Amino acid sequence: MTSPPFKALVDFLQTDCNLSKEAIAIAFRNPLLSANQVPIALWQLGLISLDDVSKIFDWMETQTDVPAIAA
């Protein structure tokens, strides 16, 4: 489903945002999606709230192994 660099993001989405593997897989259907687009994709699909989007971006700012955060 995801490449190893996305593992930390997927783990965070499952544990801290209580998203299922299936819900996360929906967001990753677009192979061109970068990590910083995942929260918006999940929100647009109605899978997370705006508060969750903010929570995910806050978490991403603390990570060094999530690809495409700093552009």
N, C-alpha and C. Protein backbone atom coordinates (compact mmCIF):
# COMPACT_ATOMS: atom_id res chain seq x y z
N MET A 1 0.83 -1.20 0.00
CA MET A 1 0.00 0.00 0.00
C MET A 1 0.87 1.25 0.00
N THR A 2 1.82 1.33 0.92
CA THR A 2 2.64 2.53 1.02
C THR A 2 4.10 2.15 1.01
N SER A 3 4.94 3.09 0.66
CA SER A 3 6.37 2.87 0.69
C SER A 3 6.87 3.04 2.12
N PRO A 4 8.05 2.47 2.43
CA PRO A 4 8.58 2.58 3.79
C PRO A 4 8.65 3.99 4.36
N PRO A 5 9.00 5.03 3.57
CA PRO A 5 9.04 6.37 4.16
C PRO A 5 7.68 6.86 4.68
N PHE A 6 6.61 6.30 4.17
CA PHE A 6 5.29 6.70 4.62
C PHE A 6 4.83 5.91 5.85
N LYS A 7 5.62 4.93 6.29
CA LYS A 7 5.20 4.08 7.40
C LYS A 7 4.90 4.89 8.66
N ALA A 8 5.74 5.85 8.99
CA ALA A 8 5.51 6.66 10.19
C ALA A 8 4.19 7.42 10.08
N LEU A 9 3.90 7.95 8.91
CA LEU A 9 2.64 8.67 8.70
C LEU A 9 1.45 7.73 8.84
N VAL A 10 1.54 6.56 8.22
CA VAL A 10 0.45 5.59 8.31
C VAL A 10 0.24 5.15 9.76
N ASP A 11 1.34 4.89 10.47
CA ASP A 11 1.23 4.51 11.88
C ASP A 11 0.55 5.61 12.69
N PHE A 12 0.91 6.86 12.44
CA PHE A 12 0.29 7.98 13.15
C PHE A 12 -1.20 8.06 12.84
N LEU A 13 -1.56 7.91 11.57
CA LEU A 13 -2.97 7.98 11.18
C LEU A 13 -3.78 6.88 11.84
N GLN A 14 -3.19 5.69 11.98
CA GLN A 14 -3.90 4.58 12.60
C GLN A 14 -4.01 4.76 14.11
N THR A 15 -2.93 5.15 14.75
CA THR A 15 -2.94 5.20 16.21
C THR A 15 -3.53 6.49 16.78
N ASP A 16 -3.15 7.63 16.22
CA ASP A 16 -3.59 8.90 16.79
C ASP A 16 -4.88 9.43 16.19
N CYS A 17 -5.17 9.04 14.96
CA CYS A 17 -6.40 9.52 14.31
C CYS A 17 -7.45 8.41 14.18
N ASN A 18 -7.10 7.23 14.65
CA ASN A 18 -8.02 6.08 14.65
C ASN A 18 -8.58 5.76 13.27
N LEU A 19 -7.74 5.88 12.25
CA LEU A 19 -8.17 5.55 10.90
C LEU A 19 -7.84 4.09 10.60
N SER A 20 -8.73 3.44 9.89
CA SER A 20 -8.49 2.05 9.50
C SER A 20 -7.52 1.99 8.33
N LYS A 21 -6.97 0.81 8.10
CA LYS A 21 -6.09 0.61 6.95
C LYS A 21 -6.84 0.90 5.65
N GLU A 22 -8.10 0.55 5.63
CA GLU A 22 -8.92 0.76 4.43
C GLU A 22 -9.10 2.25 4.14
N ALA A 23 -9.36 3.03 5.18
CA ALA A 23 -9.54 4.48 5.00
C ALA A 23 -8.24 5.12 4.50
N ILE A 24 -7.13 4.69 5.07
CA ILE A 24 -5.84 5.23 4.65
C ILE A 24 -5.54 4.83 3.21
N ALA A 25 -5.88 3.61 2.86
CA ALA A 25 -5.64 3.13 1.49
C ALA A 25 -6.38 3.97 0.47
N ILE A 26 -7.56 4.45 0.83
CA ILE A 26 -8.33 5.31 -0.08
C ILE A 26 -7.54 6.57 -0.42
N ALA A 27 -6.92 7.16 0.58
CA ALA A 27 -6.15 8.39 0.36
C ALA A 27 -4.92 8.13 -0.51
N PHE A 28 -4.37 6.92 -0.43
CA PHE A 28 -3.16 6.60 -1.18
C PHE A 28 -3.46 6.02 -2.56
N ARG A 29 -4.69 6.06 -3.00
CA ARG A 29 -5.02 5.54 -4.33
C ARG A 29 -4.33 6.33 -5.44
N ASN A 30 -4.13 7.60 -5.20
CA ASN A 30 -3.43 8.44 -6.18
C ASN A 30 -1.93 8.25 -5.98
N PRO A 31 -1.24 7.61 -6.94
CA PRO A 31 0.19 7.33 -6.76
C PRO A 31 1.07 8.59 -6.76
N LEU A 32 0.54 9.71 -7.21
CA LEU A 32 1.32 10.94 -7.24
C LEU A 32 1.15 11.78 -5.98
N LEU A 33 0.36 11.29 -5.03
CA LEU A 33 0.08 12.02 -3.80
C LEU A 33 1.33 12.09 -2.93
N SER A 34 1.69 13.29 -2.50
CA SER A 34 2.81 13.43 -1.58
C SER A 34 2.27 13.41 -0.15
N ALA A 35 3.17 13.21 0.79
CA ALA A 35 2.76 13.08 2.19
C ALA A 35 1.99 14.30 2.67
N ASN A 36 2.40 15.49 2.25
CA ASN A 36 1.71 16.69 2.74
C ASN A 36 0.34 16.88 2.12
N GLN A 37 -0.02 16.06 1.15
CA GLN A 37 -1.36 16.12 0.56
C GLN A 37 -2.32 15.11 1.20
N VAL A 38 -1.78 14.15 1.93
CA VAL A 38 -2.60 13.09 2.51
C VAL A 38 -3.67 13.65 3.46
N PRO A 39 -3.33 14.55 4.39
CA PRO A 39 -4.38 15.06 5.29
C PRO A 39 -5.53 15.73 4.54
N ILE A 40 -5.21 16.48 3.50
CA ILE A 40 -6.25 17.17 2.73
C ILE A 40 -7.11 16.15 1.99
N ALA A 41 -6.47 15.13 1.42
CA ALA A 41 -7.22 14.08 0.72
C ALA A 41 -8.17 13.37 1.68
N LEU A 42 -7.69 13.05 2.87
CA LEU A 42 -8.55 12.39 3.87
C LEU A 42 -9.72 13.29 4.27
N TRP A 43 -9.45 14.58 4.42
CA TRP A 43 -10.50 15.53 4.79
C TRP A 43 -11.53 15.67 3.66
N GLN A 44 -11.05 15.79 2.42
CA GLN A 44 -11.96 15.93 1.28
C GLN A 44 -12.87 14.70 1.13
N LEU A 45 -12.36 13.56 1.53
CA LEU A 45 -13.14 12.32 1.47
C LEU A 45 -14.08 12.18 2.67
N GLY A 46 -13.99 13.12 3.61
CA GLY A 46 -14.85 13.07 4.79
C GLY A 46 -14.40 12.07 5.83
N LEU A 47 -13.14 11.66 5.78
CA LEU A 47 -12.63 10.65 6.70
C LEU A 47 -12.04 11.24 7.97
N ILE A 48 -11.70 12.53 7.94
CA ILE A 48 -11.18 13.21 9.12
C ILE A 48 -11.75 14.63 9.18
N SER A 49 -11.67 15.23 10.36
CA SER A 49 -12.16 16.60 10.55
C SER A 49 -11.03 17.60 10.29
N LEU A 50 -11.39 18.87 10.25
CA LEU A 50 -10.37 19.91 10.10
C LEU A 50 -9.42 19.92 11.30
N ASP A 51 -9.94 19.61 12.47
CA ASP A 51 -9.07 19.50 13.64
C ASP A 51 -8.03 18.40 13.44
N ASP A 52 -8.46 17.28 12.85
CA ASP A 52 -7.53 16.19 12.56
C ASP A 52 -6.48 16.62 11.55
N VAL A 53 -6.89 17.39 10.54
CA VAL A 53 -5.94 17.89 9.54
C VAL A 53 -4.86 18.70 10.24
N SER A 54 -5.26 19.59 11.12
CA SER A 54 -4.31 20.41 11.87
C SER A 54 -3.40 19.54 12.73
N LYS A 55 -3.97 18.56 13.38
CA LYS A 55 -3.21 17.64 14.23
C LYS A 55 -2.15 16.89 13.41
N ILE A 56 -2.52 16.45 12.22
CA ILE A 56 -1.59 15.72 11.35
C ILE A 56 -0.46 16.64 10.89
N PHE A 57 -0.81 17.85 10.46
CA PHE A 57 0.23 18.79 10.03
C PHE A 57 1.16 19.15 11.18
N ASP A 58 0.62 19.31 12.38
CA ASP A 58 1.47 19.59 13.54
C ASP A 58 2.45 18.44 13.77
N TRP A 59 1.95 17.21 13.65
CA TRP A 59 2.81 16.04 13.81
C TRP A 59 3.87 16.01 12.71
N MET A 60 3.47 16.28 11.48
CA MET A 60 4.41 16.25 10.36
C MET A 60 5.57 17.22 10.56
N GLU A 61 5.30 18.36 11.17
CA GLU A 61 6.35 19.35 11.40
C GLU A 61 7.45 18.82 12.31
N THR A 62 7.13 17.82 13.12
CA THR A 62 8.11 17.27 14.06
C THR A 62 8.88 16.10 13.47
N GLN A 63 8.51 15.67 12.28
CA GLN A 63 9.11 14.47 11.68
C GLN A 63 10.20 14.83 10.69
N THR A 64 11.20 13.97 10.62
CA THR A 64 12.26 14.15 9.64
C THR A 64 12.23 13.07 8.57
N ASP A 65 11.47 11.99 8.81
CA ASP A 65 11.48 10.87 7.88
C ASP A 65 10.23 10.79 7.00
N VAL A 66 9.37 11.80 7.05
CA VAL A 66 8.19 11.81 6.19
C VAL A 66 8.53 12.58 4.93
N PRO A 67 8.44 11.93 3.76
CA PRO A 67 8.85 12.59 2.52
C PRO A 67 7.95 13.74 2.11
N ALA A 68 8.51 14.69 1.41
CA ALA A 68 7.78 15.80 0.79
C ALA A 68 7.14 16.75 1.78
N ILE A 69 7.69 16.84 2.98
CA ILE A 69 7.17 17.80 3.94
C ILE A 69 7.81 19.16 3.68
N ALA A 70 9.11 19.18 3.57
CA ALA A 70 9.80 20.43 3.27
C ALA A 70 10.05 20.49 1.77
N ALA A 71 9.49 21.49 1.15
CA ALA A 71 9.65 21.57 -0.31
C ALA A 71 10.39 22.82 -0.70
